[in-house]
N, C-alpha and C. Protein backbone atom coordinates (compact mmCIF):
# COMPACT_ATOMS: atom_id res chain seq x y z
N MET A 1 0.86 -1.17 0.00
CA MET A 1 0.00 0.00 0.00
C MET A 1 0.90 1.23 0.00
N SER A 2 0.56 2.18 -0.80
CA SER A 2 1.39 3.39 -0.89
C SER A 2 1.17 4.27 0.34
N PRO A 3 2.15 5.08 0.70
CA PRO A 3 2.03 5.97 1.86
C PRO A 3 0.86 6.95 1.72
N ASP A 4 0.56 7.36 0.50
CA ASP A 4 -0.54 8.31 0.30
C ASP A 4 -1.89 7.72 0.69
N LYS A 5 -2.12 6.45 0.33
CA LYS A 5 -3.39 5.80 0.66
C LYS A 5 -3.53 5.61 2.17
N THR A 6 -2.44 5.28 2.84
CA THR A 6 -2.47 5.11 4.30
C THR A 6 -2.82 6.43 4.97
N ARG A 7 -2.24 7.49 4.50
CA ARG A 7 -2.49 8.81 5.09
C ARG A 7 -3.96 9.20 4.91
N VAL A 8 -4.52 8.91 3.76
CA VAL A 8 -5.91 9.26 3.50
C VAL A 8 -6.83 8.47 4.43
N ARG A 9 -6.57 7.20 4.61
CA ARG A 9 -7.42 6.38 5.47
C ARG A 9 -7.36 6.85 6.91
N LYS A 10 -6.18 7.14 7.43
CA LYS A 10 -6.06 7.61 8.80
C LYS A 10 -6.78 8.94 8.97
N SER A 11 -6.65 9.78 7.98
CA SER A 11 -7.31 11.09 8.02
C SER A 11 -8.83 10.92 8.04
N THR A 12 -9.33 10.01 7.24
CA THR A 12 -10.77 9.78 7.18
C THR A 12 -11.29 9.21 8.49
N LEU A 13 -10.57 8.27 9.07
CA LEU A 13 -10.99 7.67 10.34
C LEU A 13 -11.04 8.69 11.46
N ARG A 14 -10.17 9.64 11.41
CA ARG A 14 -10.15 10.68 12.44
C ARG A 14 -11.42 11.52 12.42
N HIS A 15 -12.06 11.61 11.28
CA HIS A 15 -13.24 12.46 11.14
C HIS A 15 -14.54 11.75 11.53
N TYR A 16 -14.53 10.45 11.69
CA TYR A 16 -15.75 9.72 12.03
C TYR A 16 -16.41 10.22 13.32
N PRO A 17 -15.67 10.41 14.41
CA PRO A 17 -16.34 10.92 15.62
C PRO A 17 -17.00 12.28 15.41
N VAL A 18 -16.36 13.12 14.62
CA VAL A 18 -16.93 14.45 14.34
C VAL A 18 -18.21 14.30 13.53
N LEU A 19 -18.17 13.46 12.51
CA LEU A 19 -19.36 13.25 11.67
C LEU A 19 -20.50 12.62 12.48
N PHE A 20 -20.16 11.68 13.35
CA PHE A 20 -21.17 11.07 14.20
C PHE A 20 -21.80 12.12 15.12
N GLY A 21 -20.97 12.99 15.67
CA GLY A 21 -21.47 14.06 16.55
C GLY A 21 -22.41 15.00 15.82
N ILE A 22 -22.06 15.35 14.60
CA ILE A 22 -22.91 16.24 13.79
C ILE A 22 -24.25 15.55 13.49
N ALA A 23 -24.19 14.28 13.12
CA ALA A 23 -25.43 13.54 12.82
C ALA A 23 -26.32 13.44 14.06
N LEU A 24 -25.72 13.15 15.20
CA LEU A 24 -26.48 13.05 16.44
C LEU A 24 -27.10 14.39 16.81
N PHE A 25 -26.35 15.46 16.65
CA PHE A 25 -26.85 16.80 16.94
C PHE A 25 -28.04 17.13 16.05
N ALA A 26 -28.00 16.68 14.79
CA ALA A 26 -29.08 16.99 13.85
C ALA A 26 -30.37 16.26 14.19
N ILE A 27 -30.28 15.03 14.69
CA ILE A 27 -31.51 14.29 14.96
C ILE A 27 -31.97 14.37 16.40
N TRP A 28 -31.12 14.80 17.32
CA TRP A 28 -31.48 14.80 18.74
C TRP A 28 -32.75 15.59 19.05
N PRO A 29 -32.94 16.81 18.51
CA PRO A 29 -34.19 17.53 18.81
C PRO A 29 -35.43 16.74 18.41
N GLN A 30 -35.37 16.04 17.28
CA GLN A 30 -36.52 15.26 16.85
C GLN A 30 -36.79 14.11 17.80
N VAL A 31 -35.74 13.48 18.30
CA VAL A 31 -35.91 12.37 19.23
C VAL A 31 -36.56 12.86 20.52
N CYS A 32 -36.09 13.99 21.03
CA CYS A 32 -36.64 14.53 22.28
C CYS A 32 -38.09 14.97 22.11
N VAL A 33 -38.38 15.65 21.02
CA VAL A 33 -39.74 16.13 20.78
C VAL A 33 -40.67 14.97 20.51
N ALA A 34 -40.20 13.97 19.80
CA ALA A 34 -41.04 12.82 19.47
C ALA A 34 -41.49 12.08 20.71
N ALA A 35 -40.68 12.04 21.74
CA ALA A 35 -41.04 11.33 22.96
C ALA A 35 -42.23 11.98 23.66
N ASP A 36 -42.40 13.28 23.48
CA ASP A 36 -43.50 14.03 24.11
C ASP A 36 -44.79 14.02 23.29
N ALA A 37 -44.70 13.70 22.02
CA ALA A 37 -45.83 13.85 21.11
C ALA A 37 -46.96 12.89 21.45
N PRO A 38 -48.21 13.41 21.43
CA PRO A 38 -49.34 12.51 21.61
C PRO A 38 -49.44 11.57 20.40
N ALA A 39 -50.01 10.41 20.58
CA ALA A 39 -50.10 9.41 19.51
C ALA A 39 -50.80 9.96 18.27
N VAL A 40 -51.80 10.80 18.47
CA VAL A 40 -52.56 11.33 17.35
C VAL A 40 -51.71 12.28 16.49
N TYR A 41 -50.58 12.76 17.01
CA TYR A 41 -49.73 13.68 16.25
C TYR A 41 -49.08 12.98 15.05
N ALA A 42 -49.09 11.67 15.02
CA ALA A 42 -48.49 10.94 13.90
C ALA A 42 -49.08 11.38 12.57
N MET A 43 -50.38 11.69 12.53
CA MET A 43 -50.98 12.12 11.27
C MET A 43 -50.53 13.54 10.90
N CYS A 44 -50.20 14.38 11.86
CA CYS A 44 -49.73 15.74 11.59
C CYS A 44 -48.29 15.72 11.11
N ARG A 45 -47.52 14.81 11.70
CA ARG A 45 -46.09 14.75 11.44
C ARG A 45 -45.78 14.50 9.97
N ASN A 46 -46.65 13.81 9.27
CA ASN A 46 -46.39 13.52 7.86
C ASN A 46 -46.12 14.77 7.05
N CYS A 47 -46.81 15.86 7.34
CA CYS A 47 -46.61 17.11 6.60
C CYS A 47 -45.86 18.16 7.41
N HIS A 48 -46.16 18.24 8.70
CA HIS A 48 -45.62 19.32 9.54
C HIS A 48 -44.32 18.96 10.24
N ASN A 49 -43.95 17.68 10.26
CA ASN A 49 -42.80 17.20 11.02
C ASN A 49 -43.04 17.51 12.50
N TYR A 50 -42.04 17.34 13.35
CA TYR A 50 -42.21 17.68 14.77
C TYR A 50 -42.01 19.17 14.96
N PRO A 51 -42.78 19.80 15.83
CA PRO A 51 -42.63 21.25 16.05
C PRO A 51 -41.21 21.63 16.45
N GLY A 52 -40.66 22.62 15.77
CA GLY A 52 -39.33 23.13 16.09
C GLY A 52 -38.19 22.25 15.63
N SER A 53 -38.48 21.16 14.93
CA SER A 53 -37.42 20.25 14.51
C SER A 53 -36.77 20.72 13.21
N ILE A 54 -35.58 20.23 13.00
CA ILE A 54 -34.86 20.51 11.76
C ILE A 54 -35.20 19.37 10.82
N GLY A 55 -35.55 19.70 9.62
CA GLY A 55 -35.83 18.64 8.67
C GLY A 55 -36.88 19.06 7.67
N PRO A 56 -37.10 18.21 6.67
CA PRO A 56 -38.04 18.57 5.61
C PRO A 56 -39.48 18.57 6.10
N ARG A 57 -40.24 19.48 5.57
CA ARG A 57 -41.67 19.52 5.86
C ARG A 57 -42.36 20.14 4.64
N SER A 58 -43.60 19.74 4.41
CA SER A 58 -44.35 20.29 3.29
C SER A 58 -45.45 21.21 3.77
N ALA A 59 -45.48 21.48 5.07
CA ALA A 59 -46.48 22.38 5.66
C ALA A 59 -45.78 23.18 6.76
N PRO A 60 -46.39 24.27 7.23
CA PRO A 60 -45.73 25.13 8.22
C PRO A 60 -45.34 24.40 9.51
N ASP A 61 -44.29 24.91 10.14
CA ASP A 61 -43.85 24.41 11.44
C ASP A 61 -44.90 24.82 12.47
N LEU A 62 -45.51 23.87 13.12
CA LEU A 62 -46.60 24.18 14.05
C LEU A 62 -46.13 24.93 15.29
N SER A 63 -44.84 24.86 15.61
CA SER A 63 -44.35 25.61 16.77
C SER A 63 -44.36 27.11 16.50
N GLU A 64 -44.49 27.50 15.24
CA GLU A 64 -44.56 28.92 14.88
C GLU A 64 -46.01 29.41 14.76
N SER A 65 -46.96 28.52 14.98
CA SER A 65 -48.37 28.87 14.85
C SER A 65 -48.80 29.82 15.96
N THR A 66 -49.62 30.79 15.59
CA THR A 66 -50.17 31.73 16.57
C THR A 66 -51.68 31.53 16.73
N TYR A 67 -52.18 30.42 16.23
CA TYR A 67 -53.61 30.14 16.31
C TYR A 67 -54.07 29.98 17.75
N THR A 68 -55.28 30.46 18.01
CA THR A 68 -55.94 30.18 19.29
C THR A 68 -56.51 28.76 19.21
N LEU A 69 -57.02 28.26 20.31
CA LEU A 69 -57.61 26.92 20.30
C LEU A 69 -58.78 26.86 19.32
N ASP A 70 -59.61 27.89 19.28
CA ASP A 70 -60.75 27.90 18.34
C ASP A 70 -60.28 27.90 16.89
N GLN A 71 -59.25 28.71 16.58
CA GLN A 71 -58.72 28.74 15.22
C GLN A 71 -58.10 27.39 14.86
N PHE A 72 -57.38 26.79 15.79
CA PHE A 72 -56.77 25.49 15.58
C PHE A 72 -57.85 24.43 15.31
N ARG A 73 -58.91 24.47 16.09
CA ARG A 73 -60.03 23.54 15.91
C ARG A 73 -60.64 23.74 14.52
N ASN A 74 -60.86 25.00 14.12
CA ASN A 74 -61.40 25.28 12.79
C ASN A 74 -60.51 24.73 11.70
N GLN A 75 -59.21 24.91 11.84
CA GLN A 75 -58.26 24.42 10.84
C GLN A 75 -58.34 22.89 10.73
N LEU A 76 -58.42 22.22 11.85
CA LEU A 76 -58.50 20.75 11.82
C LEU A 76 -59.82 20.27 11.22
N MET A 77 -60.91 20.86 11.66
CA MET A 77 -62.22 20.38 11.25
C MET A 77 -62.60 20.77 9.81
N ASN A 78 -62.12 21.93 9.36
CA ASN A 78 -62.51 22.44 8.04
C ASN A 78 -61.39 22.42 7.02
N GLY A 79 -60.18 22.10 7.43
CA GLY A 79 -59.05 22.17 6.52
C GLY A 79 -58.64 23.61 6.31
N SER A 80 -58.07 23.90 5.17
CA SER A 80 -57.54 25.24 4.91
C SER A 80 -58.59 26.29 4.66
N LYS A 81 -59.83 25.89 4.42
CA LYS A 81 -60.87 26.87 4.08
C LYS A 81 -61.88 26.99 5.21
N TRP A 82 -61.83 28.12 5.90
CA TRP A 82 -62.84 28.41 6.93
C TRP A 82 -62.95 29.92 7.10
N PRO A 83 -64.15 30.42 7.43
CA PRO A 83 -64.37 31.86 7.55
C PRO A 83 -63.55 32.45 8.69
N GLY A 84 -62.95 33.60 8.44
CA GLY A 84 -62.18 34.30 9.46
C GLY A 84 -60.77 33.79 9.63
N LYS A 85 -60.31 32.96 8.70
CA LYS A 85 -58.95 32.42 8.80
C LYS A 85 -57.92 33.53 8.59
N PRO A 86 -56.87 33.58 9.44
CA PRO A 86 -55.80 34.57 9.24
C PRO A 86 -55.09 34.34 7.90
N PRO A 87 -54.36 35.35 7.40
CA PRO A 87 -53.66 35.20 6.11
C PRO A 87 -52.72 33.99 6.12
N LYS A 88 -52.62 33.36 4.97
CA LYS A 88 -51.77 32.18 4.83
C LYS A 88 -50.30 32.56 4.90
N LYS A 89 -49.50 31.61 5.30
CA LYS A 89 -48.06 31.79 5.25
C LYS A 89 -47.65 31.74 3.78
N GLN A 90 -46.85 32.68 3.36
CA GLN A 90 -46.48 32.80 1.95
C GLN A 90 -45.85 31.51 1.40
N LYS A 91 -44.99 30.88 2.18
CA LYS A 91 -44.25 29.72 1.69
C LYS A 91 -45.16 28.54 1.34
N TYR A 92 -46.29 28.42 1.99
CA TYR A 92 -47.14 27.24 1.83
C TYR A 92 -48.48 27.56 1.18
N ARG A 93 -48.57 28.68 0.49
CA ARG A 93 -49.85 29.12 -0.10
C ARG A 93 -50.39 28.14 -1.12
N TRP A 94 -49.54 27.41 -1.80
CA TRP A 94 -49.97 26.53 -2.88
C TRP A 94 -50.57 25.23 -2.37
N LYS A 95 -50.35 24.90 -1.13
CA LYS A 95 -50.81 23.61 -0.60
C LYS A 95 -51.94 23.83 0.40
N GLU A 96 -53.01 23.08 0.25
CA GLU A 96 -54.14 23.21 1.16
C GLU A 96 -54.25 21.97 2.04
N MET A 97 -54.56 22.20 3.30
CA MET A 97 -54.74 21.11 4.25
C MET A 97 -56.16 20.58 4.15
N PRO A 98 -56.32 19.27 4.02
CA PRO A 98 -57.68 18.71 4.01
C PRO A 98 -58.25 18.66 5.42
N PRO A 99 -59.57 18.61 5.56
CA PRO A 99 -60.16 18.47 6.90
C PRO A 99 -59.70 17.16 7.55
N GLN A 100 -59.48 17.21 8.83
CA GLN A 100 -59.06 16.02 9.59
C GLN A 100 -60.27 15.52 10.37
N ILE A 101 -61.03 14.64 9.76
CA ILE A 101 -62.27 14.18 10.37
C ILE A 101 -61.99 13.03 11.35
N GLY A 102 -62.89 12.88 12.29
CA GLY A 102 -62.79 11.77 13.23
C GLY A 102 -62.01 12.06 14.49
N LEU A 103 -61.63 13.32 14.70
CA LEU A 103 -60.90 13.67 15.93
C LEU A 103 -61.89 14.04 17.03
N ALA A 104 -61.67 13.50 18.20
CA ALA A 104 -62.48 13.86 19.37
C ALA A 104 -61.98 15.18 19.94
N GLU A 105 -62.84 15.87 20.66
CA GLU A 105 -62.47 17.16 21.27
C GLU A 105 -61.25 17.00 22.17
N LYS A 106 -61.19 15.90 22.90
CA LYS A 106 -60.05 15.65 23.79
C LYS A 106 -58.74 15.57 23.00
N GLN A 107 -58.77 14.93 21.83
CA GLN A 107 -57.57 14.83 21.00
C GLN A 107 -57.15 16.19 20.46
N ILE A 108 -58.12 17.01 20.08
CA ILE A 108 -57.83 18.35 19.57
C ILE A 108 -57.16 19.18 20.65
N VAL A 109 -57.71 19.15 21.85
CA VAL A 109 -57.14 19.90 22.98
C VAL A 109 -55.74 19.38 23.31
N GLU A 110 -55.55 18.07 23.27
CA GLU A 110 -54.24 17.47 23.54
C GLU A 110 -53.21 17.91 22.49
N LEU A 111 -53.61 17.88 21.23
CA LEU A 111 -52.73 18.34 20.15
C LEU A 111 -52.36 19.81 20.33
N TYR A 112 -53.36 20.62 20.61
CA TYR A 112 -53.13 22.06 20.77
C TYR A 112 -52.17 22.30 21.94
N GLY A 113 -52.39 21.62 23.05
CA GLY A 113 -51.51 21.77 24.20
C GLY A 113 -50.08 21.38 23.88
N TYR A 114 -49.91 20.31 23.12
CA TYR A 114 -48.57 19.87 22.71
C TYR A 114 -47.88 20.92 21.85
N ILE A 115 -48.63 21.49 20.91
CA ILE A 115 -48.06 22.50 20.01
C ILE A 115 -47.71 23.77 20.77
N VAL A 116 -48.60 24.21 21.65
CA VAL A 116 -48.35 25.43 22.44
C VAL A 116 -47.11 25.22 23.32
N LYS A 117 -46.98 24.05 23.89
CA LYS A 117 -45.83 23.74 24.76
C LYS A 117 -44.52 23.78 23.98
N SER A 118 -44.58 23.49 22.68
CA SER A 118 -43.36 23.45 21.87
C SER A 118 -42.92 24.82 21.36
N ARG A 119 -43.72 25.85 21.61
CA ARG A 119 -43.36 27.20 21.12
C ARG A 119 -42.16 27.74 21.83
C-alpha cells in the first residue's frame, strides 16, 4: 500500500467521531420532541414534522403557529378553508390542508396543548 493511501485512510478515520457528533446533533431535537408527542400527532407529522425540529416539511412548522384553540379547531375540522382564517403563510400558499375528520375534542385539545408547549 502506498504511503498516500495510508495517510488518506487515517485522516478519514479521524473524522468519524466528528461526523457522528454532527449527525447526532441533527436528529437529537426530533428524538426529544417525538417522545413528548401525543399518539394522534403521527398524522400531523407527515406534513408538519415535529414542532421546532430541523428537517423537511411540506407544511408550516406548528411551533410557529399563533392560532388560538378555536382557530386550531377550525383548521383541523374544516381544513384550509374556513371563515375568518388569518392570512396564509407565503411559503405554503400553494398547498391546502384537508379536513381532519374523526378527531375527538379531547384529541384536539391534547394536540393544541402539545403544540403550544413546543413554542
